[in-house]
Amino acid sequence: MNLLRLNIWRKCIIGGFIAAVVLLFTINWGYHFNVGHVVRLFVGAAALWLVVDRL
C-alpha cells in the first residue's frame, strides 16, 4: 500500500488508528486494556474505511 497515493480521509483513518492504539497502551487510565480493545478499534477503522469508499 502506497501511503502517498491515499486520500486525506484514509490518511486520517490510519493515523487515528495508530494514535489510538499508542495512547491506549501509554496513558494509564486506571483500567486494564487488552488486545480485544485493539481488535475493536481495528473493526471500527475498517468500517470507516468502507464508508469512505462509498463517498
N, C-alpha and C. Protein backbone atom coordinates (compact mmCIF):
# COMPACT_ATOMS: atom_id res chain seq x y z
N MET A 1 0.85 -1.17 0.00
CA MET A 1 0.00 0.00 0.00
C MET A 1 0.90 1.23 0.00
N ASN A 2 0.72 2.08 -0.97
CA ASN A 2 1.49 3.31 -1.07
C ASN A 2 0.74 4.42 -0.32
N LEU A 3 1.29 4.85 0.82
CA LEU A 3 0.60 5.84 1.64
C LEU A 3 0.53 7.21 0.98
N LEU A 4 1.42 7.49 0.06
CA LEU A 4 1.39 8.79 -0.61
C LEU A 4 0.22 8.91 -1.58
N ARG A 5 -0.30 7.78 -2.04
CA ARG A 5 -1.39 7.81 -3.00
C ARG A 5 -2.77 7.77 -2.34
N LEU A 6 -2.84 7.61 -1.02
CA LEU A 6 -4.13 7.58 -0.32
C LEU A 6 -4.68 8.99 -0.18
N ASN A 7 -6.01 9.10 -0.18
CA ASN A 7 -6.59 10.42 0.00
C ASN A 7 -6.52 10.84 1.48
N ILE A 8 -6.89 12.06 1.75
CA ILE A 8 -6.72 12.63 3.09
C ILE A 8 -7.54 11.88 4.14
N TRP A 9 -8.74 11.41 3.78
CA TRP A 9 -9.58 10.70 4.74
C TRP A 9 -8.95 9.39 5.17
N ARG A 10 -8.38 8.69 4.24
CA ARG A 10 -7.74 7.41 4.57
C ARG A 10 -6.48 7.62 5.39
N LYS A 11 -5.75 8.69 5.11
CA LYS A 11 -4.59 9.00 5.93
C LYS A 11 -5.02 9.32 7.36
N CYS A 12 -6.14 10.02 7.50
CA CYS A 12 -6.66 10.33 8.84
C CYS A 12 -7.10 9.07 9.57
N ILE A 13 -7.71 8.13 8.86
CA ILE A 13 -8.15 6.88 9.48
C ILE A 13 -6.94 6.09 9.98
N ILE A 14 -5.92 5.96 9.15
CA ILE A 14 -4.72 5.21 9.55
C ILE A 14 -4.02 5.92 10.71
N GLY A 15 -3.86 7.23 10.61
CA GLY A 15 -3.21 7.99 11.67
C GLY A 15 -3.98 7.94 12.97
N GLY A 16 -5.29 8.05 12.89
CA GLY A 16 -6.12 7.98 14.09
C GLY A 16 -6.07 6.62 14.75
N PHE A 17 -6.06 5.57 13.94
CA PHE A 17 -5.98 4.21 14.49
C PHE A 17 -4.65 3.99 15.20
N ILE A 18 -3.57 4.40 14.57
CA ILE A 18 -2.25 4.23 15.19
C ILE A 18 -2.14 5.07 16.46
N ALA A 19 -2.62 6.31 16.41
CA ALA A 19 -2.58 7.17 17.59
C ALA A 19 -3.43 6.59 18.72
N ALA A 20 -4.59 6.06 18.40
CA ALA A 20 -5.46 5.48 19.43
C ALA A 20 -4.82 4.27 20.09
N VAL A 21 -4.18 3.42 19.29
CA VAL A 21 -3.53 2.23 19.86
C VAL A 21 -2.36 2.63 20.74
N VAL A 22 -1.57 3.59 20.28
CA VAL A 22 -0.42 4.04 21.09
C VAL A 22 -0.90 4.67 22.39
N LEU A 23 -1.89 5.55 22.31
CA LEU A 23 -2.40 6.19 23.52
C LEU A 23 -3.09 5.20 24.45
N LEU A 24 -3.70 4.19 23.86
CA LEU A 24 -4.39 3.18 24.66
C LEU A 24 -3.43 2.48 25.61
N PHE A 25 -2.22 2.23 25.14
CA PHE A 25 -1.26 1.49 25.95
C PHE A 25 -0.26 2.37 26.69
N THR A 26 -0.19 3.68 26.39
CA THR A 26 0.77 4.54 27.08
C THR A 26 0.14 5.34 28.21
N ILE A 27 -1.12 5.71 28.09
CA ILE A 27 -1.77 6.50 29.14
C ILE A 27 -2.41 5.55 30.14
N ASN A 28 -2.14 5.80 31.40
CA ASN A 28 -2.70 4.96 32.46
C ASN A 28 -4.09 5.50 32.82
N TRP A 29 -5.11 4.82 32.31
CA TRP A 29 -6.50 5.23 32.55
C TRP A 29 -7.06 4.60 33.81
N GLY A 30 -6.29 3.74 34.46
CA GLY A 30 -6.78 3.05 35.63
C GLY A 30 -7.65 1.86 35.26
N TYR A 31 -7.54 1.41 34.04
CA TYR A 31 -8.33 0.28 33.56
C TYR A 31 -7.40 -0.61 32.76
N HIS A 32 -7.56 -1.92 32.89
CA HIS A 32 -6.69 -2.85 32.20
C HIS A 32 -7.14 -3.04 30.75
N PHE A 33 -6.34 -2.59 29.82
CA PHE A 33 -6.65 -2.73 28.41
C PHE A 33 -6.00 -4.00 27.86
N ASN A 34 -6.61 -4.59 26.88
CA ASN A 34 -6.06 -5.80 26.29
C ASN A 34 -6.20 -5.75 24.77
N VAL A 35 -5.83 -6.83 24.14
CA VAL A 35 -5.82 -6.89 22.68
C VAL A 35 -7.24 -6.79 22.11
N GLY A 36 -8.23 -7.20 22.88
CA GLY A 36 -9.61 -7.09 22.41
C GLY A 36 -10.00 -5.66 22.08
N HIS A 37 -9.46 -4.71 22.83
CA HIS A 37 -9.75 -3.31 22.54
C HIS A 37 -9.12 -2.89 21.21
N VAL A 38 -7.94 -3.40 20.93
CA VAL A 38 -7.29 -3.08 19.66
C VAL A 38 -8.08 -3.69 18.50
N VAL A 39 -8.62 -4.88 18.70
CA VAL A 39 -9.43 -5.51 17.67
C VAL A 39 -10.68 -4.68 17.41
N ARG A 40 -11.30 -4.18 18.46
CA ARG A 40 -12.49 -3.33 18.27
C ARG A 40 -12.14 -2.04 17.55
N LEU A 41 -11.01 -1.44 17.89
CA LEU A 41 -10.57 -0.25 17.18
C LEU A 41 -10.32 -0.54 15.70
N PHE A 42 -9.72 -1.71 15.42
CA PHE A 42 -9.46 -2.09 14.04
C PHE A 42 -10.76 -2.29 13.27
N VAL A 43 -11.73 -2.93 13.88
CA VAL A 43 -13.01 -3.15 13.21
C VAL A 43 -13.69 -1.81 12.93
N GLY A 44 -13.63 -0.89 13.88
CA GLY A 44 -14.19 0.44 13.67
C GLY A 44 -13.48 1.19 12.55
N ALA A 45 -12.15 1.10 12.52
CA ALA A 45 -11.39 1.76 11.46
C ALA A 45 -11.69 1.13 10.10
N ALA A 46 -11.84 -0.19 10.07
CA ALA A 46 -12.16 -0.87 8.81
C ALA A 46 -13.55 -0.48 8.32
N ALA A 47 -14.50 -0.36 9.24
CA ALA A 47 -15.86 0.06 8.86
C ALA A 47 -15.84 1.49 8.32
N LEU A 48 -15.08 2.36 8.97
CA LEU A 48 -14.97 3.74 8.49
C LEU A 48 -14.29 3.79 7.12
N TRP A 49 -13.31 2.91 6.93
CA TRP A 49 -12.62 2.81 5.63
C TRP A 49 -13.62 2.46 4.54
N LEU A 50 -14.53 1.51 4.82
CA LEU A 50 -15.55 1.12 3.84
C LEU A 50 -16.54 2.26 3.57
N VAL A 51 -16.87 3.03 4.60
CA VAL A 51 -17.77 4.16 4.42
C VAL A 51 -17.10 5.20 3.52
N VAL A 52 -15.81 5.43 3.72
CA VAL A 52 -15.09 6.38 2.87
C VAL A 52 -15.05 5.89 1.43
N ASP A 53 -14.99 4.57 1.25
CA ASP A 53 -15.04 4.00 -0.11
C ASP A 53 -16.34 4.37 -0.82
N ARG A 54 -17.42 4.46 -0.07
CA ARG A 54 -18.73 4.74 -0.67
C ARG A 54 -18.89 6.21 -1.04
N LEU A 55 -18.08 7.09 -0.47
CA LEU A 55 -18.22 8.53 -0.76
C LEU A 55 -17.70 8.89 -2.13
